N, C-alpha and C. Protein backbone atom coordinates (compact mmCIF):
# COMPACT_ATOMS: atom_id res chain seq x y z
N MET A 1 -121.18 37.41 -31.06
CA MET A 1 -121.86 36.63 -32.07
C MET A 1 -121.87 37.36 -33.41
N ILE A 2 -122.07 38.67 -33.39
CA ILE A 2 -122.10 39.44 -34.63
C ILE A 2 -120.73 39.41 -35.30
N LYS A 3 -119.65 39.53 -34.52
CA LYS A 3 -118.31 39.49 -35.11
C LYS A 3 -118.07 38.15 -35.79
N TRP A 4 -118.48 37.04 -35.16
CA TRP A 4 -118.30 35.72 -35.74
C TRP A 4 -119.08 35.59 -37.04
N SER A 5 -120.31 36.09 -37.08
CA SER A 5 -121.12 36.02 -38.30
C SER A 5 -120.49 36.81 -39.44
N ILE A 6 -119.98 38.00 -39.13
CA ILE A 6 -119.34 38.81 -40.17
C ILE A 6 -118.08 38.12 -40.68
N PHE A 7 -117.28 37.57 -39.76
CA PHE A 7 -116.08 36.83 -40.14
C PHE A 7 -116.43 35.65 -41.04
N THR A 8 -117.46 34.89 -40.67
CA THR A 8 -117.88 33.73 -41.46
C THR A 8 -118.34 34.14 -42.84
N ILE A 9 -119.07 35.23 -42.94
CA ILE A 9 -119.53 35.71 -44.25
C ILE A 9 -118.34 36.04 -45.14
N PHE A 10 -117.31 36.69 -44.61
CA PHE A 10 -116.14 37.03 -45.41
C PHE A 10 -115.36 35.80 -45.86
N ILE A 11 -115.35 34.73 -45.06
CA ILE A 11 -114.71 33.49 -45.49
C ILE A 11 -115.49 32.86 -46.63
N TRP A 12 -116.83 32.90 -46.56
CA TRP A 12 -117.67 32.21 -47.53
C TRP A 12 -117.81 32.96 -48.85
N ILE A 13 -117.66 34.29 -48.86
CA ILE A 13 -117.93 35.06 -50.08
C ILE A 13 -117.10 34.57 -51.27
N PRO A 14 -115.77 34.46 -51.19
CA PRO A 14 -115.04 34.01 -52.37
C PRO A 14 -115.37 32.56 -52.73
N PHE A 15 -115.57 31.73 -51.72
CA PHE A 15 -115.86 30.33 -51.95
C PHE A 15 -117.24 30.14 -52.57
N SER A 16 -118.20 30.95 -52.15
CA SER A 16 -119.58 30.78 -52.58
C SER A 16 -119.82 31.21 -54.02
N ALA A 17 -118.87 31.88 -54.64
CA ALA A 17 -119.05 32.34 -56.02
C ALA A 17 -119.24 31.18 -56.99
N ALA A 18 -118.83 29.98 -56.61
CA ALA A 18 -119.00 28.81 -57.48
C ALA A 18 -120.29 28.05 -57.17
N PHE A 19 -121.13 28.60 -56.32
CA PHE A 19 -122.34 27.92 -55.88
C PHE A 19 -123.57 28.80 -56.09
N LYS A 20 -124.71 28.17 -56.09
CA LYS A 20 -125.98 28.87 -56.11
C LYS A 20 -126.38 29.10 -54.66
N ALA A 21 -126.62 30.36 -54.29
CA ALA A 21 -127.00 30.69 -52.91
C ALA A 21 -128.52 30.81 -52.81
N GLU A 22 -129.07 30.25 -51.75
CA GLU A 22 -130.50 30.34 -51.49
C GLU A 22 -130.72 30.71 -50.04
N HIS A 23 -131.82 31.38 -49.80
CA HIS A 23 -132.20 31.70 -48.43
C HIS A 23 -132.72 30.43 -47.77
N GLY A 24 -132.30 30.17 -46.55
CA GLY A 24 -132.77 29.00 -45.82
C GLY A 24 -131.77 27.88 -45.80
N HIS A 25 -132.20 26.78 -45.20
CA HIS A 25 -131.34 25.61 -45.00
C HIS A 25 -131.31 24.70 -46.22
N CYS A 26 -130.36 23.78 -46.23
CA CYS A 26 -130.28 22.77 -47.28
C CYS A 26 -131.51 21.86 -47.19
N PRO A 27 -132.03 21.46 -48.34
CA PRO A 27 -133.21 20.58 -48.33
C PRO A 27 -132.83 19.14 -48.00
N ASN A 28 -133.81 18.37 -47.59
CA ASN A 28 -133.61 16.92 -47.47
C ASN A 28 -133.60 16.36 -48.88
N ILE A 29 -132.63 15.52 -49.18
CA ILE A 29 -132.51 14.99 -50.53
C ILE A 29 -132.51 13.47 -50.49
N THR A 30 -132.79 12.90 -51.62
CA THR A 30 -132.73 11.45 -51.77
C THR A 30 -131.69 11.14 -52.83
N ALA A 31 -130.67 10.40 -52.43
CA ALA A 31 -129.62 10.00 -53.37
C ALA A 31 -129.81 8.53 -53.71
N VAL A 32 -128.98 8.03 -54.63
CA VAL A 32 -129.05 6.61 -54.95
C VAL A 32 -128.78 5.82 -53.67
N GLY A 33 -129.43 4.71 -53.51
CA GLY A 33 -129.31 3.93 -52.28
C GLY A 33 -128.26 2.85 -52.32
N ASP A 34 -127.58 2.73 -53.42
CA ASP A 34 -126.60 1.65 -53.57
C ASP A 34 -125.45 2.08 -54.48
N LEU A 35 -124.78 3.16 -54.11
CA LEU A 35 -123.71 3.70 -54.94
C LEU A 35 -122.59 2.67 -55.10
N ASP A 36 -122.32 2.30 -56.33
CA ASP A 36 -121.29 1.33 -56.66
C ASP A 36 -120.14 2.08 -57.35
N MET A 37 -119.11 2.40 -56.60
CA MET A 37 -118.00 3.20 -57.15
C MET A 37 -117.24 2.46 -58.25
N ASP A 38 -117.22 1.14 -58.21
CA ASP A 38 -116.55 0.41 -59.30
C ASP A 38 -117.27 0.62 -60.62
N ARG A 39 -118.60 0.70 -60.59
CA ARG A 39 -119.36 0.98 -61.81
C ARG A 39 -119.34 2.46 -62.16
N PHE A 40 -119.21 3.32 -61.13
CA PHE A 40 -119.23 4.77 -61.33
C PHE A 40 -117.91 5.29 -61.88
N LYS A 41 -116.81 4.56 -61.63
CA LYS A 41 -115.50 5.05 -62.08
C LYS A 41 -115.45 5.18 -63.59
N GLY A 42 -114.53 5.99 -64.03
CA GLY A 42 -114.40 6.29 -65.45
C GLY A 42 -114.64 7.77 -65.70
N ILE A 43 -114.73 8.14 -66.95
CA ILE A 43 -114.85 9.56 -67.33
C ILE A 43 -116.31 9.96 -67.47
N TRP A 44 -116.61 11.13 -66.90
CA TRP A 44 -117.92 11.78 -67.02
C TRP A 44 -117.69 13.17 -67.59
N TYR A 45 -118.43 13.50 -68.64
CA TYR A 45 -118.31 14.82 -69.28
C TYR A 45 -119.42 15.72 -68.75
N THR A 46 -119.05 16.92 -68.34
CA THR A 46 -120.01 17.85 -67.74
C THR A 46 -120.85 18.50 -68.82
N HIS A 47 -122.14 18.36 -68.69
CA HIS A 47 -123.10 18.98 -69.61
C HIS A 47 -123.57 20.32 -69.07
N SER A 48 -123.96 20.34 -67.79
CA SER A 48 -124.45 21.58 -67.19
C SER A 48 -124.12 21.61 -65.70
N ILE A 49 -123.99 22.84 -65.20
CA ILE A 49 -123.53 23.04 -63.83
C ILE A 49 -124.11 24.34 -63.30
N TYR A 50 -124.35 24.41 -61.98
CA TYR A 50 -124.67 25.71 -61.40
C TYR A 50 -123.45 26.59 -61.65
N ALA A 51 -123.64 27.66 -62.35
CA ALA A 51 -122.52 28.45 -62.88
C ALA A 51 -121.83 29.29 -61.81
N PRO A 52 -120.52 29.39 -61.91
CA PRO A 52 -119.79 30.31 -61.04
C PRO A 52 -120.17 31.75 -61.39
N LEU A 53 -120.34 32.58 -60.38
CA LEU A 53 -120.70 33.97 -60.61
C LEU A 53 -119.52 34.82 -61.06
N SER A 54 -118.32 34.37 -60.68
CA SER A 54 -117.14 35.20 -60.89
C SER A 54 -116.53 35.10 -62.28
N ARG A 55 -116.90 34.10 -63.05
CA ARG A 55 -116.27 33.94 -64.36
C ARG A 55 -117.18 33.12 -65.25
N LYS A 56 -116.84 33.10 -66.53
CA LYS A 56 -117.64 32.30 -67.43
C LYS A 56 -117.32 30.82 -67.23
N VAL A 57 -118.20 29.98 -67.67
CA VAL A 57 -118.05 28.54 -67.49
C VAL A 57 -116.93 28.02 -68.38
N PRO A 58 -115.93 27.36 -67.80
CA PRO A 58 -114.84 26.81 -68.62
C PRO A 58 -115.35 25.73 -69.57
N ARG A 59 -114.75 25.66 -70.74
CA ARG A 59 -115.12 24.67 -71.75
C ARG A 59 -114.49 23.33 -71.44
N CYS A 60 -115.06 22.30 -72.07
CA CYS A 60 -114.45 20.97 -72.12
C CYS A 60 -114.19 20.36 -70.74
N GLN A 61 -115.14 20.51 -69.83
CA GLN A 61 -114.99 19.96 -68.48
C GLN A 61 -115.26 18.46 -68.48
N SER A 62 -114.43 17.74 -67.75
CA SER A 62 -114.67 16.31 -67.52
C SER A 62 -114.16 15.95 -66.14
N THR A 63 -114.70 14.86 -65.62
CA THR A 63 -114.29 14.36 -64.32
C THR A 63 -114.06 12.86 -64.46
N GLU A 64 -112.88 12.41 -64.04
CA GLU A 64 -112.59 10.97 -64.09
C GLU A 64 -112.46 10.45 -62.67
N PHE A 65 -113.22 9.40 -62.38
CA PHE A 65 -113.14 8.71 -61.10
C PHE A 65 -112.21 7.52 -61.30
N ILE A 66 -111.13 7.49 -60.51
CA ILE A 66 -110.07 6.51 -60.70
C ILE A 66 -109.91 5.69 -59.43
N HIS A 67 -109.81 4.35 -59.58
CA HIS A 67 -109.51 3.50 -58.44
C HIS A 67 -108.03 3.70 -58.14
N TYR A 68 -107.74 4.44 -57.10
CA TYR A 68 -106.39 4.92 -56.79
C TYR A 68 -105.49 3.79 -56.26
N ASP A 69 -105.98 3.06 -55.29
CA ASP A 69 -105.29 1.89 -54.78
C ASP A 69 -106.35 0.97 -54.16
N GLU A 70 -105.94 0.02 -53.41
CA GLU A 70 -106.88 -0.97 -52.88
C GLU A 70 -108.03 -0.35 -52.08
N HIS A 71 -107.78 0.77 -51.40
CA HIS A 71 -108.77 1.32 -50.49
C HIS A 71 -109.32 2.69 -50.91
N PHE A 72 -108.73 3.31 -51.90
CA PHE A 72 -109.12 4.68 -52.21
C PHE A 72 -109.42 4.90 -53.69
N TYR A 73 -110.23 5.93 -53.92
CA TYR A 73 -110.49 6.44 -55.25
C TYR A 73 -110.01 7.88 -55.28
N LYS A 74 -109.75 8.37 -56.46
CA LYS A 74 -109.44 9.79 -56.60
C LYS A 74 -110.22 10.33 -57.78
N ILE A 75 -110.32 11.65 -57.81
CA ILE A 75 -111.02 12.35 -58.88
C ILE A 75 -110.01 13.19 -59.62
N GLN A 76 -110.04 13.11 -60.94
CA GLN A 76 -109.19 13.95 -61.77
C GLN A 76 -110.13 14.80 -62.62
N ALA A 77 -110.17 16.09 -62.32
CA ALA A 77 -111.05 17.02 -63.05
C ALA A 77 -110.22 17.78 -64.07
N ARG A 78 -110.78 17.90 -65.28
CA ARG A 78 -110.09 18.60 -66.37
C ARG A 78 -111.02 19.66 -66.95
N GLU A 79 -110.40 20.73 -67.41
CA GLU A 79 -111.15 21.78 -68.13
C GLU A 79 -110.15 22.54 -68.99
N LEU A 80 -110.68 23.21 -69.99
CA LEU A 80 -109.84 23.99 -70.88
C LEU A 80 -109.72 25.40 -70.32
N SER A 81 -108.51 25.87 -70.12
CA SER A 81 -108.29 27.22 -69.60
C SER A 81 -108.81 28.25 -70.59
N SER A 82 -109.58 29.20 -70.09
CA SER A 82 -110.12 30.24 -70.97
C SER A 82 -109.04 31.26 -71.35
N GLN A 83 -107.93 31.28 -70.62
CA GLN A 83 -106.86 32.24 -70.91
C GLN A 83 -105.81 31.68 -71.85
N THR A 84 -105.44 30.41 -71.64
CA THR A 84 -104.33 29.86 -72.42
C THR A 84 -104.75 28.77 -73.40
N ASP A 85 -106.00 28.33 -73.33
CA ASP A 85 -106.51 27.24 -74.16
C ASP A 85 -105.72 25.94 -73.95
N THR A 86 -105.18 25.76 -72.76
CA THR A 86 -104.51 24.51 -72.40
C THR A 86 -105.37 23.78 -71.38
N VAL A 87 -105.16 22.50 -71.25
CA VAL A 87 -105.95 21.69 -70.33
C VAL A 87 -105.42 21.87 -68.90
N LYS A 88 -106.31 22.24 -67.99
CA LYS A 88 -105.98 22.34 -66.58
C LYS A 88 -106.47 21.07 -65.89
N VAL A 89 -105.63 20.49 -65.04
CA VAL A 89 -105.98 19.25 -64.35
C VAL A 89 -105.88 19.47 -62.85
N ARG A 90 -106.90 18.99 -62.14
CA ARG A 90 -106.93 19.07 -60.67
C ARG A 90 -107.27 17.69 -60.14
N GLU A 91 -106.56 17.24 -59.12
CA GLU A 91 -106.83 15.93 -58.53
C GLU A 91 -107.21 16.09 -57.07
N GLU A 92 -108.18 15.29 -56.65
CA GLU A 92 -108.60 15.25 -55.26
C GLU A 92 -108.85 13.80 -54.87
N LEU A 93 -108.59 13.47 -53.65
CA LEU A 93 -108.80 12.13 -53.13
C LEU A 93 -110.23 12.00 -52.60
N ILE A 94 -110.84 10.86 -52.83
CA ILE A 94 -112.12 10.56 -52.17
C ILE A 94 -111.74 9.85 -50.87
N THR A 95 -112.04 10.48 -49.75
CA THR A 95 -111.58 9.97 -48.46
C THR A 95 -112.50 8.93 -47.85
N LYS A 96 -113.79 8.98 -48.20
CA LYS A 96 -114.73 8.02 -47.63
C LYS A 96 -115.93 7.88 -48.56
N ILE A 97 -116.44 6.67 -48.68
CA ILE A 97 -117.62 6.39 -49.51
C ILE A 97 -118.70 5.79 -48.62
N PHE A 98 -119.92 6.28 -48.77
CA PHE A 98 -121.08 5.78 -48.04
C PHE A 98 -122.07 5.22 -49.07
N PRO A 99 -121.87 3.99 -49.53
CA PRO A 99 -122.69 3.45 -50.63
C PRO A 99 -124.19 3.47 -50.35
N SER A 100 -124.61 3.10 -49.15
CA SER A 100 -126.04 3.03 -48.85
C SER A 100 -126.70 4.40 -48.79
N GLU A 101 -125.89 5.45 -48.64
CA GLU A 101 -126.41 6.82 -48.60
C GLU A 101 -126.19 7.55 -49.93
N GLY A 102 -125.53 6.91 -50.88
CA GLY A 102 -125.30 7.51 -52.19
C GLY A 102 -124.39 8.73 -52.15
N ARG A 103 -123.41 8.73 -51.26
CA ARG A 103 -122.55 9.89 -51.14
C ARG A 103 -121.10 9.49 -50.89
N TYR A 104 -120.22 10.47 -51.09
CA TYR A 104 -118.81 10.29 -50.79
C TYR A 104 -118.25 11.61 -50.28
N ILE A 105 -117.10 11.54 -49.64
CA ILE A 105 -116.42 12.74 -49.15
C ILE A 105 -115.18 12.94 -50.01
N GLN A 106 -115.11 14.12 -50.60
CA GLN A 106 -113.99 14.47 -51.46
C GLN A 106 -113.08 15.43 -50.70
N ALA A 107 -111.80 15.11 -50.62
CA ALA A 107 -110.85 16.01 -49.96
C ALA A 107 -110.81 17.33 -50.71
N THR A 108 -110.58 18.39 -49.97
CA THR A 108 -110.47 19.71 -50.58
C THR A 108 -109.46 20.53 -49.81
N HIS A 109 -108.83 21.46 -50.49
CA HIS A 109 -107.87 22.35 -49.84
C HIS A 109 -108.54 23.64 -49.37
N ASN A 110 -109.84 23.73 -49.57
CA ASN A 110 -110.58 24.93 -49.19
C ASN A 110 -110.79 24.96 -47.69
N LYS A 111 -110.40 26.06 -47.05
CA LYS A 111 -110.51 26.19 -45.60
C LYS A 111 -111.96 26.24 -45.12
N ALA A 112 -112.88 26.55 -46.04
CA ALA A 112 -114.29 26.59 -45.66
C ALA A 112 -114.86 25.18 -45.45
N LEU A 113 -114.22 24.18 -46.02
CA LEU A 113 -114.68 22.79 -45.88
C LEU A 113 -113.52 21.92 -45.38
N PRO A 114 -113.10 22.08 -44.13
CA PRO A 114 -111.92 21.36 -43.65
C PRO A 114 -112.09 19.84 -43.61
N GLU A 115 -113.33 19.35 -43.46
CA GLU A 115 -113.56 17.90 -43.43
C GLU A 115 -113.71 17.32 -44.83
N GLY A 116 -113.79 18.18 -45.83
CA GLY A 116 -113.98 17.74 -47.20
C GLY A 116 -115.38 18.06 -47.68
N ALA A 117 -115.60 17.88 -48.95
CA ALA A 117 -116.90 18.15 -49.56
C ALA A 117 -117.72 16.86 -49.58
N GLN A 118 -118.92 16.94 -49.03
CA GLN A 118 -119.82 15.78 -49.01
C GLN A 118 -120.69 15.85 -50.27
N ILE A 119 -120.46 14.96 -51.20
CA ILE A 119 -121.14 15.01 -52.49
C ILE A 119 -122.06 13.80 -52.64
N TYR A 120 -123.29 14.09 -53.05
CA TYR A 120 -124.31 13.05 -53.25
C TYR A 120 -124.45 12.75 -54.73
N VAL A 121 -124.63 11.50 -55.06
CA VAL A 121 -125.00 11.10 -56.41
C VAL A 121 -126.51 10.92 -56.36
N LEU A 122 -127.23 11.90 -56.90
CA LEU A 122 -128.69 11.88 -56.82
C LEU A 122 -129.29 10.83 -57.74
N GLU A 123 -128.76 10.73 -58.94
CA GLU A 123 -129.26 9.78 -59.93
C GLU A 123 -128.10 9.34 -60.82
N THR A 124 -128.11 8.09 -61.21
CA THR A 124 -127.19 7.60 -62.23
C THR A 124 -127.69 6.26 -62.75
N ASP A 125 -127.40 5.99 -64.00
CA ASP A 125 -127.62 4.66 -64.54
C ASP A 125 -126.27 3.99 -64.83
N TYR A 126 -125.20 4.67 -64.44
CA TYR A 126 -123.81 4.24 -64.57
C TYR A 126 -123.31 4.20 -66.02
N ASP A 127 -124.19 4.02 -66.99
CA ASP A 127 -123.78 3.89 -68.38
C ASP A 127 -123.94 5.17 -69.19
N ASN A 128 -124.87 6.05 -68.78
CA ASN A 128 -125.18 7.22 -69.58
C ASN A 128 -125.06 8.54 -68.84
N PHE A 129 -125.65 8.66 -67.66
CA PHE A 129 -125.71 9.95 -66.98
C PHE A 129 -125.50 9.83 -65.47
N ALA A 130 -125.12 10.95 -64.89
CA ALA A 130 -124.98 11.06 -63.43
C ALA A 130 -125.34 12.49 -63.03
N ILE A 131 -126.00 12.61 -61.89
CA ILE A 131 -126.34 13.91 -61.33
C ILE A 131 -125.73 13.94 -59.94
N ARG A 132 -124.78 14.86 -59.76
CA ARG A 132 -124.10 14.99 -58.47
C ARG A 132 -124.51 16.31 -57.83
N TYR A 133 -124.52 16.33 -56.49
CA TYR A 133 -125.06 17.48 -55.76
C TYR A 133 -124.37 17.64 -54.41
N MET A 134 -124.20 18.89 -54.02
CA MET A 134 -123.66 19.20 -52.70
C MET A 134 -124.37 20.44 -52.19
N CYS A 135 -124.62 20.47 -50.89
CA CYS A 135 -125.22 21.65 -50.26
C CYS A 135 -124.65 21.79 -48.86
N PHE A 136 -124.46 23.02 -48.43
CA PHE A 136 -124.06 23.26 -47.05
C PHE A 136 -124.66 24.58 -46.59
N ASP A 137 -124.96 24.62 -45.29
CA ASP A 137 -125.54 25.81 -44.67
C ASP A 137 -124.43 26.74 -44.21
N ALA A 138 -124.70 28.03 -44.29
CA ALA A 138 -123.74 29.03 -43.82
C ALA A 138 -124.47 30.07 -42.98
N VAL A 139 -123.94 30.35 -41.85
CA VAL A 139 -124.43 31.36 -40.89
C VAL A 139 -125.94 31.30 -40.65
N LYS A 140 -126.53 30.14 -40.76
CA LYS A 140 -127.94 29.90 -40.45
C LYS A 140 -128.91 30.78 -41.24
N ILE A 141 -128.42 31.40 -42.30
CA ILE A 141 -129.27 32.28 -43.11
C ILE A 141 -129.36 31.75 -44.54
N PHE A 142 -128.23 31.34 -45.09
CA PHE A 142 -128.15 30.92 -46.48
C PHE A 142 -127.71 29.47 -46.58
N SER A 143 -128.02 28.88 -47.69
CA SER A 143 -127.44 27.59 -48.03
C SER A 143 -126.83 27.73 -49.43
N TYR A 144 -125.74 27.03 -49.63
CA TYR A 144 -125.04 27.07 -50.90
C TYR A 144 -125.16 25.72 -51.59
N HIS A 145 -125.54 25.75 -52.86
CA HIS A 145 -125.83 24.54 -53.61
C HIS A 145 -124.90 24.42 -54.80
N TRP A 146 -124.42 23.22 -55.05
CA TRP A 146 -123.62 22.90 -56.22
C TRP A 146 -124.25 21.68 -56.86
N ALA A 147 -124.46 21.72 -58.15
CA ALA A 147 -125.03 20.58 -58.87
C ALA A 147 -124.41 20.49 -60.25
N VAL A 148 -124.30 19.26 -60.73
CA VAL A 148 -123.73 19.02 -62.04
C VAL A 148 -124.45 17.84 -62.68
N ILE A 149 -124.72 17.98 -63.98
CA ILE A 149 -125.27 16.88 -64.76
C ILE A 149 -124.17 16.46 -65.73
N GLN A 150 -123.81 15.16 -65.69
CA GLN A 150 -122.71 14.66 -66.49
C GLN A 150 -123.14 13.44 -67.29
N PHE A 151 -122.40 13.21 -68.37
CA PHE A 151 -122.70 12.09 -69.26
C PHE A 151 -121.42 11.33 -69.59
N ARG A 152 -121.59 10.09 -69.98
CA ARG A 152 -120.43 9.27 -70.39
C ARG A 152 -119.89 9.70 -71.74
N HIS A 153 -120.73 10.30 -72.58
CA HIS A 153 -120.30 10.78 -73.89
C HIS A 153 -120.20 12.30 -73.87
N ARG A 154 -119.19 12.82 -74.51
CA ARG A 154 -119.00 14.28 -74.54
C ARG A 154 -120.21 14.98 -75.13
N LEU A 155 -120.78 14.43 -76.18
CA LEU A 155 -121.96 15.02 -76.83
C LEU A 155 -123.08 13.97 -76.85
N PRO A 156 -123.84 13.87 -75.75
CA PRO A 156 -124.89 12.85 -75.65
C PRO A 156 -126.10 13.18 -76.53
N SER A 157 -126.93 12.19 -76.73
CA SER A 157 -128.14 12.40 -77.54
C SER A 157 -129.13 13.27 -76.76
N SER A 158 -130.01 13.92 -77.50
CA SER A 158 -131.01 14.79 -76.86
C SER A 158 -131.95 13.97 -75.97
N GLY A 159 -132.21 12.72 -76.32
CA GLY A 159 -133.07 11.87 -75.50
C GLY A 159 -132.48 11.60 -74.13
N ILE A 160 -131.18 11.31 -74.08
CA ILE A 160 -130.49 11.06 -72.80
C ILE A 160 -130.44 12.34 -71.98
N ILE A 161 -130.19 13.47 -72.63
CA ILE A 161 -130.16 14.76 -71.92
C ILE A 161 -131.52 15.03 -71.29
N TYR A 162 -132.58 14.79 -72.04
CA TYR A 162 -133.94 15.02 -71.54
C TYR A 162 -134.22 14.16 -70.30
N VAL A 163 -133.89 12.89 -70.35
CA VAL A 163 -134.12 11.99 -69.21
C VAL A 163 -133.36 12.49 -67.98
N ALA A 164 -132.09 12.83 -68.16
CA ALA A 164 -131.27 13.29 -67.03
C ALA A 164 -131.83 14.60 -66.45
N GLN A 165 -132.24 15.52 -67.30
CA GLN A 165 -132.78 16.79 -66.80
C GLN A 165 -134.10 16.58 -66.07
N GLU A 166 -134.94 15.70 -66.54
CA GLU A 166 -136.20 15.41 -65.85
C GLU A 166 -135.94 14.79 -64.48
N LEU A 167 -134.98 13.88 -64.40
CA LEU A 167 -134.63 13.29 -63.10
C LEU A 167 -134.02 14.34 -62.17
N ALA A 168 -133.22 15.24 -62.73
CA ALA A 168 -132.64 16.32 -61.92
C ALA A 168 -133.74 17.21 -61.36
N LYS A 169 -134.73 17.55 -62.17
CA LYS A 169 -135.85 18.37 -61.69
C LYS A 169 -136.58 17.69 -60.55
N ARG A 170 -136.82 16.39 -60.69
CA ARG A 170 -137.50 15.64 -59.63
C ARG A 170 -136.69 15.61 -58.34
N SER A 171 -135.37 15.74 -58.47
CA SER A 171 -134.49 15.76 -57.30
C SER A 171 -134.33 17.15 -56.71
N GLY A 172 -135.00 18.15 -57.30
CA GLY A 172 -134.94 19.50 -56.76
C GLY A 172 -133.92 20.41 -57.40
N ILE A 173 -133.29 19.97 -58.47
CA ILE A 173 -132.31 20.80 -59.19
C ILE A 173 -133.08 21.76 -60.10
N THR A 174 -132.70 23.03 -60.06
CA THR A 174 -133.33 24.04 -60.91
C THR A 174 -132.53 24.13 -62.21
N ILE A 175 -133.06 23.51 -63.24
CA ILE A 175 -132.36 23.44 -64.53
C ILE A 175 -132.11 24.84 -65.10
N SER A 176 -133.05 25.75 -64.92
CA SER A 176 -132.89 27.11 -65.47
C SER A 176 -131.75 27.88 -64.82
N ASP A 177 -131.28 27.45 -63.65
CA ASP A 177 -130.14 28.10 -62.99
C ASP A 177 -128.80 27.49 -63.42
N MET A 178 -128.85 26.47 -64.25
CA MET A 178 -127.62 25.82 -64.68
C MET A 178 -127.13 26.41 -65.99
N SER A 179 -125.83 26.34 -66.18
CA SER A 179 -125.22 26.79 -67.43
C SER A 179 -124.68 25.58 -68.18
N LYS A 180 -124.86 25.60 -69.48
CA LYS A 180 -124.34 24.51 -70.31
C LYS A 180 -122.84 24.69 -70.47
N VAL A 181 -122.13 23.60 -70.35
CA VAL A 181 -120.68 23.61 -70.52
C VAL A 181 -120.38 23.29 -71.99
N PRO A 182 -119.73 24.20 -72.70
CA PRO A 182 -119.39 23.92 -74.11
C PRO A 182 -118.45 22.72 -74.21
N GLN A 183 -118.84 21.73 -75.01
CA GLN A 183 -118.04 20.52 -75.18
C GLN A 183 -117.63 20.30 -76.63
N GLU A 184 -117.88 21.29 -77.50
CA GLU A 184 -117.53 21.16 -78.91
C GLU A 184 -116.05 21.50 -79.11
N SER A 185 -115.42 20.84 -80.07
CA SER A 185 -114.03 21.08 -80.47
C SER A 185 -113.05 21.00 -79.29
N CYS A 186 -113.22 20.00 -78.46
CA CYS A 186 -112.35 19.83 -77.29
C CYS A 186 -111.16 18.94 -77.64
N PRO A 187 -110.01 19.22 -77.02
CA PRO A 187 -108.86 18.33 -77.23
C PRO A 187 -109.13 16.96 -76.61
N ARG A 188 -108.50 15.95 -77.11
CA ARG A 188 -108.73 14.57 -76.64
C ARG A 188 -108.39 14.40 -75.18
N ASP A 189 -107.43 15.15 -74.66
CA ASP A 189 -107.00 14.95 -73.28
C ASP A 189 -107.78 15.81 -72.27
N SER A 190 -108.90 16.37 -72.68
CA SER A 190 -109.69 17.18 -71.74
C SER A 190 -110.91 16.43 -71.26
């Protein structure tokens, strides 16, 4: 059992650098009860995120939800490379949507999540803001949390930011642990 725990910890260490680690299990959460992916699709600009420990937060992050074909959606994530100042694009397929539970499963190439990442939409009004969240338990000691607050506009008004942050706090997101994603002077294709 000890060998398995040590092995699991070494698998999770590089992966967990992009997450907030907490002692204990994932909390019970409440997501939107009627996730409508047709209304959710489109571009969302990242305002704040639980910051990766290994590097600074990339600028100009956005996520586009695209109706891929009759049965599937995909996600196209963009960010500005801190090394080359070029736009990096990553695509992942959404393999399953659970509208009544406010969640979807996003395919991933990470060996730590072979079934995919289960992501919850905690809050959204579809027109202005969205709060997405993921948590998973590791070795029965820690839980790893990922959260992002996104907006339809790259530079939203302070009033909309305030509403989204208050709703995030009510959902258990620790705003002080989040890092703001710089969205100023971004290229149009980011």
